[in-house]
């Protein structure tokens, strides 16, 4: 019983993991998606407008040849790129092997 109480007290004094979660609503002329990103480690989850899980991965930060920061990830054969325009706007681009790039604006 003493071990249980010590473990319980220790649990109350442990700090939770820090997460910087951002929620984005992304849309274009055809559809709406929801993007949830943990900015602390770059992990993200995508859902469609019906709440159906589309995929998850981890963004990697890189730069264009002109020095502009952007993030990219791959899920299977799909490539996802994201670039923050300002504090409230994000551009999300998705492409697959045989499909053209689909662009979403996220707020």
C-alpha atoms as a PDB file:
ATOM      1  CA  UNK A   1       0.000   0.000   0.000  1.00  0.00           C
ATOM      2  CA  UNK A   2       2.846   2.364   0.800  1.00  0.00           C
ATOM      3  CA  UNK A   3       4.370   1.858  -2.680  1.00  0.00           C
ATOM      4  CA  UNK A   4       1.021   2.649  -4.238  1.00  0.00           C
ATOM      5  CA  UNK A   5       0.696   5.895  -2.252  1.00  0.00           C
ATOM      6  CA  UNK A   6       4.254   6.932  -3.106  1.00  0.00           C
ATOM      7  CA  UNK A   7       3.608   6.256  -6.774  1.00  0.00           C
ATOM      8  CA  UNK A   8       0.386   8.266  -6.626  1.00  0.00           C
ATOM      9  CA  UNK A   9       2.116  11.228  -4.958  1.00  0.00           C
ATOM     10  CA  UNK A  10       4.953  11.053  -7.489  1.00  0.00           C
ATOM     11  CA  UNK A  11       2.385  11.087 -10.280  1.00  0.00           C
ATOM     12  CA  UNK A  12       0.891  14.344  -8.982  1.00  0.00           C
ATOM     13  CA  UNK A  13       4.298  16.030  -8.921  1.00  0.00           C
ATOM     14  CA  UNK A  14       5.459  14.970 -12.388  1.00  0.00           C
ATOM     15  CA  UNK A  15       5.196  17.600 -15.067  1.00  0.00           C
ATOM     16  CA  UNK A  16       3.135  16.785 -18.160  1.00  0.00           C
ATOM     17  CA  UNK A  17       4.810  16.785 -21.554  1.00  0.00           C
ATOM     18  CA  UNK A  18       4.777  20.194 -23.212  1.00  0.00           C
ATOM     19  CA  UNK A  19       2.839  20.367 -26.460  1.00  0.00           C
ATOM     20  CA  UNK A  20       2.174  23.375 -28.668  1.00  0.00           C
ATOM     21  CA  UNK A  21      -0.954  22.222 -30.467  1.00  0.00           C
ATOM     22  CA  UNK A  22      -2.350  24.311 -33.320  1.00  0.00           C
ATOM     23  CA  UNK A  23      -5.675  23.629 -35.055  1.00  0.00           C
ATOM     24  CA  UNK A  24      -6.060  24.670 -38.692  1.00  0.00           C
ATOM     25  CA  UNK A  25      -9.114  24.566 -40.952  1.00  0.00           C
ATOM     26  CA  UNK A  26      -7.881  24.094 -44.529  1.00  0.00           C
ATOM     27  CA  UNK A  27     -10.088  24.595 -47.579  1.00  0.00           C
ATOM     28  CA  UNK A  28     -10.095  25.051 -51.326  1.00  0.00           C
ATOM     29  CA  UNK A  29     -12.903  25.137 -53.921  1.00  0.00           C
ATOM     30  CA  UNK A  30     -13.565  21.405 -53.548  1.00  0.00           C
ATOM     31  CA  UNK A  31     -13.176  20.319 -49.933  1.00  0.00           C
ATOM     32  CA  UNK A  32     -12.368  21.154 -46.326  1.00  0.00           C
ATOM     33  CA  UNK A  33      -9.784  19.420 -44.131  1.00  0.00           C
ATOM     34  CA  UNK A  34      -8.708  19.828 -40.541  1.00  0.00           C
ATOM     35  CA  UNK A  35      -5.034  19.856 -39.629  1.00  0.00           C
ATOM     36  CA  UNK A  36      -3.832  19.450 -36.057  1.00  0.00           C
ATOM     37  CA  UNK A  37      -0.129  20.128 -35.540  1.00  0.00           C
ATOM     38  CA  UNK A  38       2.078  19.784 -32.475  1.00  0.00           C
ATOM     39  CA  UNK A  39       4.601  22.533 -33.190  1.00  0.00           C
ATOM     40  CA  UNK A  40       6.942  21.239 -30.481  1.00  0.00           C
ATOM     41  CA  UNK A  41       7.835  18.116 -32.469  1.00  0.00           C
ATOM     42  CA  UNK A  42       6.201  18.625 -35.900  1.00  0.00           C
ATOM     43  CA  UNK A  43       3.734  15.742 -35.639  1.00  0.00           C
ATOM     44  CA  UNK A  44       0.410  16.291 -37.373  1.00  0.00           C
ATOM     45  CA  UNK A  45      -2.943  14.626 -38.066  1.00  0.00           C
ATOM     46  CA  UNK A  46      -5.283  15.277 -41.021  1.00  0.00           C
ATOM     47  CA  UNK A  47      -9.075  14.794 -40.964  1.00  0.00           C
ATOM     48  CA  UNK A  48     -11.656  15.430 -43.691  1.00  0.00           C
ATOM     49  CA  UNK A  49     -14.775  17.558 -43.182  1.00  0.00           C
ATOM     50  CA  UNK A  50     -16.702  14.490 -41.925  1.00  0.00           C
ATOM     51  CA  UNK A  51     -14.096  13.803 -39.228  1.00  0.00           C
ATOM     52  CA  UNK A  52     -12.632  10.807 -41.055  1.00  0.00           C
ATOM     53  CA  UNK A  53      -8.932  10.244 -40.309  1.00  0.00           C
ATOM     54  CA  UNK A  54      -6.829  10.832 -43.456  1.00  0.00           C
ATOM     55  CA  UNK A  55      -3.311  10.322 -42.145  1.00  0.00           C
ATOM     56  CA  UNK A  56      -0.570  11.412 -39.830  1.00  0.00           C
ATOM     57  CA  UNK A  57       3.160  11.996 -40.058  1.00  0.00           C
ATOM     58  CA  UNK A  58       5.866  14.372 -38.889  1.00  0.00           C
ATOM     59  CA  UNK A  59       6.826  17.592 -40.647  1.00  0.00           C
ATOM     60  CA  UNK A  60      10.493  18.259 -41.370  1.00  0.00           C
ATOM     61  CA  UNK A  61      11.598  21.890 -41.610  1.00  0.00           C
ATOM     62  CA  UNK A  62      13.700  22.914 -44.597  1.00  0.00           C
ATOM     63  CA  UNK A  63      14.353  25.961 -46.809  1.00  0.00           C
ATOM     64  CA  UNK A  64      13.835  26.771 -50.463  1.00  0.00           C
ATOM     65  CA  UNK A  65      16.734  27.869 -52.662  1.00  0.00           C
ATOM     66  CA  UNK A  66      15.751  31.470 -51.861  1.00  0.00           C
ATOM     67  CA  UNK A  67      15.876  30.823 -48.103  1.00  0.00           C
ATOM     68  CA  UNK A  68      12.125  30.626 -47.384  1.00  0.00           C
ATOM     69  CA  UNK A  69      11.261  28.218 -44.547  1.00  0.00           C
ATOM     70  CA  UNK A  70       8.708  25.507 -45.252  1.00  0.00           C
ATOM     71  CA  UNK A  71       7.730  22.113 -43.859  1.00  0.00           C
ATOM     72  CA  UNK A  72       7.243  18.825 -45.667  1.00  0.00           C
ATOM     73  CA  UNK A  73       6.192  15.284 -44.898  1.00  0.00           C
ATOM     74  CA  UNK A  74       5.275  12.110 -46.734  1.00  0.00           C
ATOM     75  CA  UNK A  75       2.470   9.661 -46.086  1.00  0.00           C
ATOM     76  CA  UNK A  76       2.878   6.630 -48.319  1.00  0.00           C
ATOM     77  CA  UNK A  77       3.117   8.011 -51.860  1.00  0.00           C
ATOM     78  CA  UNK A  78       1.661  11.391 -50.910  1.00  0.00           C
ATOM     79  CA  UNK A  79       3.825  14.457 -50.300  1.00  0.00           C
ATOM     80  CA  UNK A  80       2.574  17.272 -48.083  1.00  0.00           C
ATOM     81  CA  UNK A  81       4.122  20.737 -47.909  1.00  0.00           C
ATOM     82  CA  UNK A  82       3.179  23.560 -45.563  1.00  0.00           C
ATOM     83  CA  UNK A  83       4.289  27.168 -45.334  1.00  0.00           C
ATOM     84  CA  UNK A  84       3.182  29.739 -42.801  1.00  0.00           C
ATOM     85  CA  UNK A  85       2.171  32.979 -44.518  1.00  0.00           C
ATOM     86  CA  UNK A  86       1.574  34.903 -41.290  1.00  0.00           C
ATOM     87  CA  UNK A  87       0.445  34.205 -37.723  1.00  0.00           C
ATOM     88  CA  UNK A  88      -3.077  33.223 -38.818  1.00  0.00           C
ATOM     89  CA  UNK A  89      -2.605  31.773 -42.324  1.00  0.00           C
ATOM     90  CA  UNK A  90      -0.953  28.588 -43.566  1.00  0.00           C
ATOM     91  CA  UNK A  91      -0.726  27.238 -47.128  1.00  0.00           C
ATOM     92  CA  UNK A  92      -0.925  23.456 -47.442  1.00  0.00           C
ATOM     93  CA  UNK A  93      -0.027  21.651 -50.683  1.00  0.00           C
ATOM     94  CA  UNK A  94      -0.701  17.956 -51.275  1.00  0.00           C
ATOM     95  CA  UNK A  95       0.469  15.889 -54.230  1.00  0.00           C
ATOM     96  CA  UNK A  96       0.477  12.204 -55.104  1.00  0.00           C
ATOM     97  CA  UNK A  97       2.401  10.334 -57.792  1.00  0.00           C
ATOM     98  CA  UNK A  98      -0.141  10.705 -60.588  1.00  0.00           C
ATOM     99  CA  UNK A  99      -2.030  13.775 -59.382  1.00  0.00           C
ATOM    100  CA  UNK A 100      -1.346  17.481 -59.650  1.00  0.00           C
ATOM    101  CA  UNK A 101      -0.744  19.618 -56.595  1.00  0.00           C
ATOM    102  CA  UNK A 102      -3.829  20.488 -54.561  1.00  0.00           C
ATOM    103  CA  UNK A 103      -3.506  23.745 -52.640  1.00  0.00           C
ATOM    104  CA  UNK A 104      -5.377  24.599 -49.445  1.00  0.00           C
ATOM    105  CA  UNK A 105      -5.481  27.827 -47.484  1.00  0.00           C
ATOM    106  CA  UNK A 106      -5.644  27.244 -43.734  1.00  0.00           C
ATOM    107  CA  UNK A 107      -6.841  29.560 -40.992  1.00  0.00           C
END
